[in-house]
Amino acid sequence: MELFWMTMTTGIMVGGIYALVALGWVLIYKCSGVLNLAMGEMTLIGAYVSLSFYSMGVPFLLSLLISLIIGFLLGVLTERIFLDRLIGEPVLTVIMVTVGLSFFFKGCVELIWGTDTRVFDPPVFSIEPLHIGPLVIGKVYLWSFLAAIVLLVVFVCFFKYTRWGLAMQATADDEMAALSLGVSARFVYAAAWAIAFMAAGVGGTLLGNINGLNISVSYLGLLVLPVVVLGGLNSVPGAIVGGIIIGLLQNFCGAYLDRYFPGGVKEIAPFAFMAVFLLFKPYGLWGWERIERV
């Protein structure tokens, strides 16, 4: 039972970080109907920027804030330079551009920071575990989870209560109606990419504190795909629930199945689950169900 509770606790905490990164997928899909396949590399860039400033002696929270600002600027520049001219083009064209962006971003990371694993030194969080009854929880997991939840609440409030957030939702629901009310689609798309870059960077920074940081962190972009598929590609609450479910699934498979099937059951399980889940709920738990009559 101790292993069960520890696995469940860790799964929930890691799932909160997955949910934060999944929010970037959801934002871009909600606004433009495009799957951003460069999400993993965006996560990597934000994490390395935060690590670079922290390594220069800048306090961690300030490093994270600088990473958010740079992520916002990079998101706007990416949309303006690479994607602005593609408004109105077929969705597949835009998706293929994001594939090209993923290779471009990865090449930039390897050129600037290299491929060796780097860690936050000195450690941001104490290595002393936190004891809660029979549970032993690493403080890095606990604080990363709390930070992810706080940021998710901030983003949800942004979409629900601010003028910019409501404009983004209006554009996602009906672009023509939003344009008729004076909402700028170009602004909405740029804001979506900026916020996605920020969310991805924070998620990458938190994961970098847990496992160290190297080029393989970009794999997180694909690992989060089952999260957004499960919750619904256009659902913010779905990203939160999906992140926690996939975090639990991954950790339970690692704890109970890896001993019998060595070779990475923990990494394969989310994708196998996604494939089966799509057979029964192709739109996810809270995705829009589009019915077309022909």
C-alpha atoms as a PDB file:
ATOM      1  CA  MET A   1       0.000   0.000   0.000  1.00  0.00           C
ATOM      2  CA  GLU A   2       2.901   2.346   0.672  1.00  0.00           C
ATOM      3  CA  LEU A   3       4.127   1.872  -2.908  1.00  0.00           C
ATOM      4  CA  PHE A   4       0.582   2.441  -4.172  1.00  0.00           C
ATOM      5  CA  TRP A   5       0.110   5.736  -2.348  1.00  0.00           C
ATOM      6  CA  MET A   6       3.564   7.024  -3.245  1.00  0.00           C
ATOM      7  CA  THR A   7       3.016   6.135  -6.917  1.00  0.00           C
ATOM      8  CA  MET A   8      -0.371   7.827  -6.934  1.00  0.00           C
ATOM      9  CA  THR A   9       0.958  10.971  -5.266  1.00  0.00           C
ATOM     10  CA  THR A  10       3.878  11.279  -7.689  1.00  0.00           C
ATOM     11  CA  GLY A  11       1.586  10.609 -10.652  1.00  0.00           C
ATOM     12  CA  ILE A  12      -0.775  13.405  -9.656  1.00  0.00           C
ATOM     13  CA  MET A  13       2.072  15.862  -9.166  1.00  0.00           C
ATOM     14  CA  VAL A  14       3.777  15.067 -12.469  1.00  0.00           C
ATOM     15  CA  GLY A  15       0.357  15.124 -14.133  1.00  0.00           C
ATOM     16  CA  GLY A  16      -0.100  18.721 -13.014  1.00  0.00           C
ATOM     17  CA  ILE A  17       3.042  19.673 -14.960  1.00  0.00           C
ATOM     18  CA  TYR A  18       1.808  17.733 -18.002  1.00  0.00           C
ATOM     19  CA  ALA A  19      -1.466  19.662 -17.762  1.00  0.00           C
ATOM     20  CA  LEU A  20       0.409  22.969 -17.836  1.00  0.00           C
ATOM     21  CA  VAL A  21       2.224  22.022 -21.047  1.00  0.00           C
ATOM     22  CA  ALA A  22      -0.989  20.576 -22.518  1.00  0.00           C
ATOM     23  CA  LEU A  23      -2.579  23.984 -22.065  1.00  0.00           C
ATOM     24  CA  GLY A  24      -0.310  25.277 -24.845  1.00  0.00           C
ATOM     25  CA  TRP A  25      -1.599  22.601 -27.226  1.00  0.00           C
ATOM     26  CA  VAL A  26      -5.194  23.459 -26.313  1.00  0.00           C
ATOM     27  CA  LEU A  27      -4.761  27.214 -26.762  1.00  0.00           C
ATOM     28  CA  ILE A  28      -3.377  26.977 -30.275  1.00  0.00           C
ATOM     29  CA  TYR A  29      -5.905  24.351 -31.336  1.00  0.00           C
ATOM     30  CA  LYS A  30      -8.828  26.336 -29.905  1.00  0.00           C
ATOM     31  CA  CYS A  31      -7.849  29.448 -31.820  1.00  0.00           C
ATOM     32  CA  SER A  32      -6.704  27.993 -35.146  1.00  0.00           C
ATOM     33  CA  GLY A  33      -7.588  24.303 -35.281  1.00  0.00           C
ATOM     34  CA  VAL A  34      -3.887  23.435 -35.653  1.00  0.00           C
ATOM     35  CA  LEU A  35      -1.914  20.781 -33.786  1.00  0.00           C
ATOM     36  CA  ASN A  36       1.362  22.418 -32.796  1.00  0.00           C
ATOM     37  CA  LEU A  37       3.977  19.675 -33.214  1.00  0.00           C
ATOM     38  CA  ALA A  38       6.752  22.020 -32.062  1.00  0.00           C
ATOM     39  CA  MET A  39       5.433  22.087 -28.501  1.00  0.00           C
ATOM     40  CA  GLY A  40       8.253  19.912 -27.124  1.00  0.00           C
ATOM     41  CA  GLU A  41      10.937  22.187 -28.514  1.00  0.00           C
ATOM     42  CA  MET A  42       9.123  25.247 -27.131  1.00  0.00           C
ATOM     43  CA  THR A  43       9.244  23.519 -23.733  1.00  0.00           C
ATOM     44  CA  LEU A  44      12.960  22.951 -24.173  1.00  0.00           C
ATOM     45  CA  ILE A  45      13.741  26.570 -25.082  1.00  0.00           C
ATOM     46  CA  GLY A  46      11.868  27.987 -22.090  1.00  0.00           C
ATOM     47  CA  ALA A  47      13.603  25.598 -19.730  1.00  0.00           C
ATOM     48  CA  TYR A  48      17.089  26.391 -21.055  1.00  0.00           C
ATOM     49  CA  VAL A  49      16.466  30.138 -20.867  1.00  0.00           C
ATOM     50  CA  SER A  50      15.441  29.822 -17.222  1.00  0.00           C
ATOM     51  CA  LEU A  51      18.447  27.595 -16.473  1.00  0.00           C
ATOM     52  CA  SER A  52      20.839  30.034 -18.166  1.00  0.00           C
ATOM     53  CA  PHE A  53      19.766  32.971 -16.033  1.00  0.00           C
ATOM     54  CA  TYR A  54      19.746  30.844 -12.871  1.00  0.00           C
ATOM     55  CA  SER A  55      23.296  29.685 -13.629  1.00  0.00           C
ATOM     56  CA  MET A  56      24.373  33.351 -13.819  1.00  0.00           C
ATOM     57  CA  GLY A  57      23.244  33.881 -10.230  1.00  0.00           C
ATOM     58  CA  VAL A  58      19.769  35.257 -10.877  1.00  0.00           C
ATOM     59  CA  PRO A  59      17.239  34.040  -8.247  1.00  0.00           C
ATOM     60  CA  PHE A  60      15.027  31.201  -9.491  1.00  0.00           C
ATOM     61  CA  LEU A  61      11.728  33.078  -9.397  1.00  0.00           C
ATOM     62  CA  LEU A  62      13.258  36.015 -11.264  1.00  0.00           C
ATOM     63  CA  SER A  63      14.791  33.590 -13.779  1.00  0.00           C
ATOM     64  CA  LEU A  64      11.358  32.060 -14.290  1.00  0.00           C
ATOM     65  CA  LEU A  65       9.813  35.504 -14.772  1.00  0.00           C
ATOM     66  CA  ILE A  66      12.460  36.416 -17.366  1.00  0.00           C
ATOM     67  CA  SER A  67      11.775  33.096 -19.086  1.00  0.00           C
ATOM     68  CA  LEU A  68       8.072  33.978 -19.233  1.00  0.00           C
ATOM     69  CA  ILE A  69       8.821  37.373 -20.788  1.00  0.00           C
ATOM     70  CA  ILE A  70      11.200  35.900 -23.357  1.00  0.00           C
ATOM     71  CA  GLY A  71       8.701  33.114 -24.081  1.00  0.00           C
ATOM     72  CA  PHE A  72       5.995  35.701 -24.715  1.00  0.00           C
ATOM     73  CA  LEU A  73       8.219  37.582 -27.159  1.00  0.00           C
ATOM     74  CA  LEU A  74       9.349  34.397 -28.932  1.00  0.00           C
ATOM     75  CA  GLY A  75       5.745  33.254 -29.268  1.00  0.00           C
ATOM     76  CA  VAL A  76       4.697  36.525 -30.894  1.00  0.00           C
ATOM     77  CA  LEU A  77       7.729  36.513 -33.214  1.00  0.00           C
ATOM     78  CA  THR A  78       7.118  32.891 -34.218  1.00  0.00           C
ATOM     79  CA  GLU A  79       3.520  33.601 -35.135  1.00  0.00           C
ATOM     80  CA  ARG A  80       4.339  36.817 -36.977  1.00  0.00           C
ATOM     81  CA  ILE A  81       7.318  35.467 -38.952  1.00  0.00           C
ATOM     82  CA  PHE A  82       6.244  31.905 -39.763  1.00  0.00           C
ATOM     83  CA  LEU A  83       2.480  31.622 -39.381  1.00  0.00           C
ATOM     84  CA  ASP A  84       0.850  34.991 -39.975  1.00  0.00           C
ATOM     85  CA  ARG A  85       0.873  34.561 -43.749  1.00  0.00           C
ATOM     86  CA  LEU A  86      -0.799  31.158 -43.428  1.00  0.00           C
ATOM     87  CA  ILE A  87      -4.112  32.449 -42.050  1.00  0.00           C
ATOM     88  CA  GLY A  88      -6.808  30.940 -44.253  1.00  0.00           C
ATOM     89  CA  GLU A  89      -4.522  28.250 -45.678  1.00  0.00           C
ATOM     90  CA  PRO A  90      -5.304  24.511 -45.262  1.00  0.00           C
ATOM     91  CA  VAL A  91      -4.751  23.212 -41.744  1.00  0.00           C
ATOM     92  CA  LEU A  92      -2.344  20.526 -42.984  1.00  0.00           C
ATOM     93  CA  THR A  93      -0.067  23.245 -44.373  1.00  0.00           C
ATOM     94  CA  VAL A  94       0.176  24.943 -40.993  1.00  0.00           C
ATOM     95  CA  ILE A  95       0.784  21.627 -39.214  1.00  0.00           C
ATOM     96  CA  MET A  96       3.681  20.857 -41.540  1.00  0.00           C
ATOM     97  CA  VAL A  97       5.135  24.296 -40.774  1.00  0.00           C
ATOM     98  CA  THR A  98       5.056  23.437 -37.066  1.00  0.00           C
ATOM     99  CA  VAL A  99       6.976  20.240 -37.891  1.00  0.00           C
ATOM    100  CA  GLY A 100       9.630  22.372 -39.566  1.00  0.00           C
ATOM    101  CA  LEU A 101       9.657  24.701 -36.567  1.00  0.00           C
ATOM    102  CA  SER A 102      10.292  21.745 -34.245  1.00  0.00           C
ATOM    103  CA  PHE A 103      13.494  20.856 -36.136  1.00  0.00           C
ATOM    104  CA  PHE A 104      14.519  24.509 -36.344  1.00  0.00           C
ATOM    105  CA  PHE A 105      14.044  25.064 -32.607  1.00  0.00           C
ATOM    106  CA  LYS A 106      15.874  21.845 -31.738  1.00  0.00           C
ATOM    107  CA  GLY A 107      18.796  22.855 -33.918  1.00  0.00           C
ATOM    108  CA  CYS A 108      18.948  26.252 -32.214  1.00  0.00           C
ATOM    109  CA  VAL A 109      18.983  24.614 -28.778  1.00  0.00           C
ATOM    110  CA  GLU A 110      21.802  22.219 -29.758  1.00  0.00           C
ATOM    111  CA  LEU A 111      23.791  25.100 -31.247  1.00  0.00           C
ATOM    112  CA  ILE A 112      23.436  27.383 -28.217  1.00  0.00           C
ATOM    113  CA  TRP A 113      23.338  24.981 -25.248  1.00  0.00           C
ATOM    114  CA  GLY A 114      24.660  21.675 -26.610  1.00  0.00           C
ATOM    115  CA  THR A 115      23.275  18.220 -25.867  1.00  0.00           C
ATOM    116  CA  ASP A 116      24.806  17.385 -22.475  1.00  0.00           C
ATOM    117  CA  THR A 117      22.514  17.005 -19.475  1.00  0.00           C
ATOM    118  CA  ARG A 118      22.517  20.092 -17.265  1.00  0.00           C
ATOM    119  CA  VAL A 119      21.041  20.563 -13.810  1.00  0.00           C
ATOM    120  CA  PHE A 120      20.000  23.512 -11.684  1.00  0.00           C
ATOM    121  CA  ASP A 121      23.058  24.056  -9.482  1.00  0.00           C
ATOM    122  CA  PRO A 122      22.675  24.773  -6.631  1.00  0.00           C
ATOM    123  CA  PRO A 123      19.386  22.815  -6.444  1.00  0.00           C
ATOM    124  CA  VAL A 124      16.327  25.060  -6.340  1.00  0.00           C
ATOM    125  CA  PHE A 125      14.433  22.750  -4.011  1.00  0.00           C
ATOM    126  CA  SER A 126      15.747  20.962  -0.935  1.00  0.00           C
ATOM    127  CA  ILE A 127      16.702  17.325  -1.473  1.00  0.00           C
ATOM    128  CA  GLU A 128      15.265  16.418   1.915  1.00  0.00           C
ATOM    129  CA  PRO A 129      11.964  14.581   1.334  1.00  0.00           C
ATOM    130  CA  LEU A 130       8.728  15.558   3.011  1.00  0.00           C
ATOM    131  CA  HIS A 131       7.188  12.888   5.268  1.00  0.00           C
ATOM    132  CA  ILE A 132       3.381  12.826   5.440  1.00  0.00           C
ATOM    133  CA  GLY A 133       2.382   9.727   7.383  1.00  0.00           C
ATOM    134  CA  PRO A 134       3.674   6.730   5.418  1.00  0.00           C
ATOM    135  CA  LEU A 135       4.290   8.858   2.318  1.00  0.00           C
ATOM    136  CA  VAL A 136       7.690  10.192   1.365  1.00  0.00           C
ATOM    137  CA  ILE A 137       7.345  13.028  -1.168  1.00  0.00           C
ATOM    138  CA  GLY A 138      10.196  14.836  -2.838  1.00  0.00           C
ATOM    139  CA  LYS A 139       9.903  18.576  -2.317  1.00  0.00           C
ATOM    140  CA  VAL A 140      10.718  19.194  -5.975  1.00  0.00           C
ATOM    141  CA  TYR A 141       7.586  17.255  -6.941  1.00  0.00           C
ATOM    142  CA  LEU A 142       5.435  19.049  -4.382  1.00  0.00           C
ATOM    143  CA  TRP A 143       6.531  22.578  -5.259  1.00  0.00           C
ATOM    144  CA  SER A 144       6.435  21.875  -8.984  1.00  0.00           C
ATOM    145  CA  PHE A 145       2.877  20.612  -8.666  1.00  0.00           C
ATOM    146  CA  LEU A 146       1.784  23.646  -6.634  1.00  0.00           C
ATOM    147  CA  ALA A 147       3.407  26.022  -9.126  1.00  0.00           C
ATOM    148  CA  ALA A 148       1.687  24.244 -12.027  1.00  0.00           C
ATOM    149  CA  ILE A 149      -1.708  24.435 -10.311  1.00  0.00           C
ATOM    150  CA  VAL A 150      -1.301  28.152  -9.527  1.00  0.00           C
ATOM    151  CA  LEU A 151      -0.397  28.924 -13.136  1.00  0.00           C
ATOM    152  CA  LEU A 152      -3.290  26.825 -14.443  1.00  0.00           C
ATOM    153  CA  VAL A 153      -5.701  28.782 -12.218  1.00  0.00           C
ATOM    154  CA  VAL A 154      -4.197  32.051 -13.499  1.00  0.00           C
ATOM    155  CA  PHE A 155      -4.670  30.968 -17.124  1.00  0.00           C
ATOM    156  CA  VAL A 156      -8.251  29.790 -16.524  1.00  0.00           C
ATOM    157  CA  CYS A 157      -9.130  33.123 -14.865  1.00  0.00           C
ATOM    158  CA  PHE A 158      -7.475  34.945 -17.758  1.00  0.00           C
ATOM    159  CA  PHE A 159      -9.753  33.242 -20.279  1.00  0.00           C
ATOM    160  CA  LYS A 160     -12.861  33.637 -18.190  1.00  0.00           C
ATOM    161  CA  TYR A 161     -12.611  37.168 -16.826  1.00  0.00           C
ATOM    162  CA  THR A 162     -10.320  39.298 -19.013  1.00  0.00           C
ATOM    163  CA  ARG A 163     -11.150  41.092 -22.248  1.00  0.00           C
ATOM    164  CA  TRP A 164      -8.263  39.430 -24.106  1.00  0.00           C
ATOM    165  CA  GLY A 165      -9.201  35.987 -22.858  1.00  0.00           C
ATOM    166  CA  LEU A 166     -12.830  36.426 -23.876  1.00  0.00           C
ATOM    167  CA  ALA A 167     -11.706  37.657 -27.303  1.00  0.00           C
ATOM    168  CA  MET A 168      -9.638  34.503 -27.747  1.00  0.00           C
ATOM    169  CA  GLN A 169     -12.569  32.306 -26.795  1.00  0.00           C
ATOM    170  CA  ALA A 170     -14.896  34.197 -29.120  1.00  0.00           C
ATOM    171  CA  THR A 171     -12.501  33.708 -32.025  1.00  0.00           C
ATOM    172  CA  ALA A 172     -12.228  30.017 -31.240  1.00  0.00           C
ATOM    173  CA  ASP A 173     -16.015  29.585 -31.166  1.00  0.00           C
ATOM    174  CA  ASP A 174     -16.841  31.594 -34.305  1.00  0.00           C
ATOM    175  CA  GLU A 175     -14.098  33.486 -36.096  1.00  0.00           C
ATOM    176  CA  MET A 176     -16.419  35.359 -38.478  1.00  0.00           C
ATOM    177  CA  ALA A 177     -18.692  36.522 -35.648  1.00  0.00           C
ATOM    178  CA  ALA A 178     -15.684  37.656 -33.621  1.00  0.00           C
ATOM    179  CA  LEU A 179     -14.305  39.609 -36.594  1.00  0.00           C
ATOM    180  CA  SER A 180     -17.673  41.319 -37.058  1.00  0.00           C
ATOM    181  CA  LEU A 181     -17.449  42.507 -33.435  1.00  0.00           C
ATOM    182  CA  GLY A 182     -14.029  44.047 -33.995  1.00  0.00           C
ATOM    183  CA  VAL A 183     -11.842  41.259 -32.589  1.00  0.00           C
ATOM    184  CA  SER A 184      -8.491  41.033 -34.361  1.00  0.00           C
ATOM    185  CA  ALA A 185      -7.798  37.437 -35.433  1.00  0.00           C
ATOM    186  CA  ARG A 186      -4.109  38.272 -35.930  1.00  0.00           C
ATOM    187  CA  PHE A 187      -3.888  39.464 -32.322  1.00  0.00           C
ATOM    188  CA  VAL A 188      -5.658  36.335 -31.049  1.00  0.00           C
ATOM    189  CA  TYR A 189      -3.340  33.960 -32.902  1.00  0.00           C
ATOM    190  CA  ALA A 190      -0.240  35.838 -31.742  1.00  0.00           C
ATOM    191  CA  ALA A 191      -1.492  35.838 -28.138  1.00  0.00           C
ATOM    192  CA  ALA A 192      -2.239  32.111 -28.314  1.00  0.00           C
ATOM    193  CA  TRP A 193       1.305  31.309 -29.446  1.00  0.00           C
ATOM    194  CA  ALA A 194       2.776  33.665 -26.848  1.00  0.00           C
ATOM    195  CA  ILE A 195       0.851  32.090 -23.970  1.00  0.00           C
ATOM    196  CA  ALA A 196       1.622  28.588 -25.281  1.00  0.00           C
ATOM    197  CA  PHE A 197       5.340  29.429 -25.310  1.00  0.00           C
ATOM    198  CA  MET A 198       5.085  30.718 -21.736  1.00  0.00           C
ATOM    199  CA  ALA A 199       3.197  27.660 -20.446  1.00  0.00           C
ATOM    200  CA  ALA A 200       5.604  25.292 -22.195  1.00  0.00           C
ATOM    201  CA  GLY A 201       8.630  27.090 -20.751  1.00  0.00           C
ATOM    202  CA  VAL A 202       7.348  26.880 -17.185  1.00  0.00           C
ATOM    203  CA  GLY A 203       6.511  23.198 -17.616  1.00  0.00           C
ATOM    204  CA  GLY A 204       9.976  22.489 -18.983  1.00  0.00           C
ATOM    205  CA  THR A 205      11.639  24.405 -16.146  1.00  0.00           C
ATOM    206  CA  LEU A 206       9.738  22.418 -13.527  1.00  0.00           C
ATOM    207  CA  LEU A 207      10.580  19.111 -15.203  1.00  0.00           C
ATOM    208  CA  GLY A 208      14.208  20.205 -15.515  1.00  0.00           C
ATOM    209  CA  ASN A 209      14.329  20.572 -11.743  1.00  0.00           C
ATOM    210  CA  ILE A 210      13.115  16.987 -11.368  1.00  0.00           C
ATOM    211  CA  ASN A 211      15.150  15.026 -13.914  1.00  0.00           C
ATOM    212  CA  GLY A 212      17.777  17.448 -15.223  1.00  0.00           C
ATOM    213  CA  LEU A 213      17.660  19.118 -18.604  1.00  0.00           C
ATOM    214  CA  ASN A 214      18.796  17.818 -21.971  1.00  0.00           C
ATOM    215  CA  ILE A 215      17.567  17.584 -25.534  1.00  0.00           C
ATOM    216  CA  SER A 216      15.337  14.593 -24.698  1.00  0.00           C
ATOM    217  CA  VAL A 217      12.981  16.877 -22.759  1.00  0.00           C
ATOM    218  CA  SER A 218      11.506  17.797 -26.156  1.00  0.00           C
ATOM    219  CA  TYR A 219       9.934  14.329 -26.070  1.00  0.00           C
ATOM    220  CA  LEU A 220       7.499  15.875 -23.610  1.00  0.00           C
ATOM    221  CA  GLY A 221       5.727  17.512 -26.540  1.00  0.00           C
ATOM    222  CA  LEU A 222       4.650  14.135 -27.880  1.00  0.00           C
ATOM    223  CA  LEU A 223       4.071  12.696 -24.406  1.00  0.00           C
ATOM    224  CA  VAL A 224       1.530  15.440 -23.739  1.00  0.00           C
ATOM    225  CA  LEU A 225      -0.429  14.511 -26.892  1.00  0.00           C
ATOM    226  CA  PRO A 226      -2.337  11.723 -25.074  1.00  0.00           C
ATOM    227  CA  VAL A 227      -3.196  14.294 -22.401  1.00  0.00           C
ATOM    228  CA  VAL A 228      -4.890  16.703 -24.802  1.00  0.00           C
ATOM    229  CA  VAL A 229      -6.561  13.879 -26.749  1.00  0.00           C
ATOM    230  CA  LEU A 230      -7.994  12.444 -23.542  1.00  0.00           C
ATOM    231  CA  GLY A 231      -9.339  15.732 -22.215  1.00  0.00           C
ATOM    232  CA  GLY A 232     -10.409  17.138 -25.588  1.00  0.00           C
ATOM    233  CA  LEU A 233      -8.272  19.143 -27.954  1.00  0.00           C
ATOM    234  CA  ASN A 234     -10.135  22.370 -27.197  1.00  0.00           C
ATOM    235  CA  SER A 235     -10.899  21.974 -23.493  1.00  0.00           C
ATOM    236  CA  VAL A 236      -8.869  23.744 -20.801  1.00  0.00           C
ATOM    237  CA  PRO A 237     -10.458  21.726 -17.947  1.00  0.00           C
ATOM    238  CA  GLY A 238      -9.872  18.637 -20.070  1.00  0.00           C
ATOM    239  CA  ALA A 239      -6.145  19.420 -20.203  1.00  0.00           C
ATOM    240  CA  ILE A 240      -6.028  19.500 -16.395  1.00  0.00           C
ATOM    241  CA  VAL A 241      -7.936  16.255 -15.905  1.00  0.00           C
ATOM    242  CA  GLY A 242      -6.128  14.553 -18.782  1.00  0.00           C
ATOM    243  CA  GLY A 243      -2.732  15.554 -17.391  1.00  0.00           C
ATOM    244  CA  ILE A 244      -3.474  14.016 -13.997  1.00  0.00           C
ATOM    245  CA  ILE A 245      -4.897  10.812 -15.537  1.00  0.00           C
ATOM    246  CA  ILE A 246      -1.889  10.316 -17.827  1.00  0.00           C
ATOM    247  CA  GLY A 247       0.508  11.115 -14.982  1.00  0.00           C
ATOM    248  CA  LEU A 248      -1.159   8.437 -12.854  1.00  0.00           C
ATOM    249  CA  LEU A 249      -1.226   5.923 -15.705  1.00  0.00           C
ATOM    250  CA  GLN A 250       2.436   6.442 -16.505  1.00  0.00           C
ATOM    251  CA  ASN A 251       3.612   6.126 -12.914  1.00  0.00           C
ATOM    252  CA  PHE A 252       1.489   3.082 -12.108  1.00  0.00           C
ATOM    253  CA  CYS A 253       2.730   1.311 -15.233  1.00  0.00           C
ATOM    254  CA  GLY A 254       6.304   2.156 -14.266  1.00  0.00           C
ATOM    255  CA  ALA A 255       5.816   0.889 -10.710  1.00  0.00           C
ATOM    256  CA  TYR A 256       3.915  -2.330 -11.423  1.00  0.00           C
ATOM    257  CA  LEU A 257       4.591  -3.388 -15.034  1.00  0.00           C
ATOM    258  CA  ASP A 258       8.205  -2.427 -15.770  1.00  0.00           C
ATOM    259  CA  ARG A 259       9.421  -5.297 -13.608  1.00  0.00           C
ATOM    260  CA  TYR A 260       7.569  -7.788 -15.826  1.00  0.00           C
ATOM    261  CA  PHE A 261       7.998  -6.074 -19.201  1.00  0.00           C
ATOM    262  CA  PRO A 262      11.362  -4.282 -19.119  1.00  0.00           C
ATOM    263  CA  GLY A 263      11.995  -1.850 -21.940  1.00  0.00           C
ATOM    264  CA  GLY A 264       9.886   1.221 -21.387  1.00  0.00           C
ATOM    265  CA  VAL A 265       6.270   0.273 -20.603  1.00  0.00           C
ATOM    266  CA  LYS A 266       6.043   3.584 -18.748  1.00  0.00           C
ATOM    267  CA  GLU A 267       6.698   5.551 -21.957  1.00  0.00           C
ATOM    268  CA  ILE A 268       4.495   3.404 -24.208  1.00  0.00           C
ATOM    269  CA  ALA A 269       1.453   3.146 -21.926  1.00  0.00           C
ATOM    270  CA  PRO A 270       0.049   6.690 -22.559  1.00  0.00           C
ATOM    271  CA  PHE A 271       0.057   6.165 -26.337  1.00  0.00           C
ATOM    272  CA  ALA A 272      -1.468   2.686 -26.103  1.00  0.00           C
ATOM    273  CA  PHE A 273      -4.162   4.092 -23.838  1.00  0.00           C
ATOM    274  CA  MET A 274      -4.775   6.959 -26.278  1.00  0.00           C
ATOM    275  CA  ALA A 275      -5.234   4.558 -29.202  1.00  0.00           C
ATOM    276  CA  VAL A 276      -7.820   2.493 -27.314  1.00  0.00           C
ATOM    277  CA  PHE A 277      -9.560   5.548 -25.883  1.00  0.00           C
ATOM    278  CA  LEU A 278     -10.052   7.100 -29.325  1.00  0.00           C
ATOM    279  CA  LEU A 279     -12.049   4.055 -30.413  1.00  0.00           C
ATOM    280  CA  PHE A 280     -14.755   4.942 -27.888  1.00  0.00           C
ATOM    281  CA  LYS A 281     -14.419   8.725 -27.433  1.00  0.00           C
ATOM    282  CA  PRO A 282     -12.882  10.207 -30.600  1.00  0.00           C
ATOM    283  CA  TYR A 283     -13.520  13.774 -29.377  1.00  0.00           C
ATOM    284  CA  GLY A 284     -12.089  13.264 -25.896  1.00  0.00           C
ATOM    285  CA  LEU A 285     -13.922  13.782 -22.629  1.00  0.00           C
ATOM    286  CA  TRP A 286     -14.925  17.403 -23.264  1.00  0.00           C
ATOM    287  CA  GLY A 287     -14.012  18.041 -26.900  1.00  0.00           C
ATOM    288  CA  TRP A 288     -16.395  19.601 -29.402  1.00  0.00           C
ATOM    289  CA  GLU A 289     -18.332  16.961 -31.308  1.00  0.00           C
ATOM    290  CA  ARG A 290     -18.654  18.149 -34.879  1.00  0.00           C
ATOM    291  CA  ILE A 291     -21.398  16.465 -36.899  1.00  0.00           C
ATOM    292  CA  GLU A 292     -21.373  17.058 -40.630  1.00  0.00           C
ATOM    293  CA  ARG A 293     -24.202  16.121 -42.979  1.00  0.00           C
ATOM    294  CA  VAL A 294     -23.241  15.327 -46.561  1.00  0.00           C
END
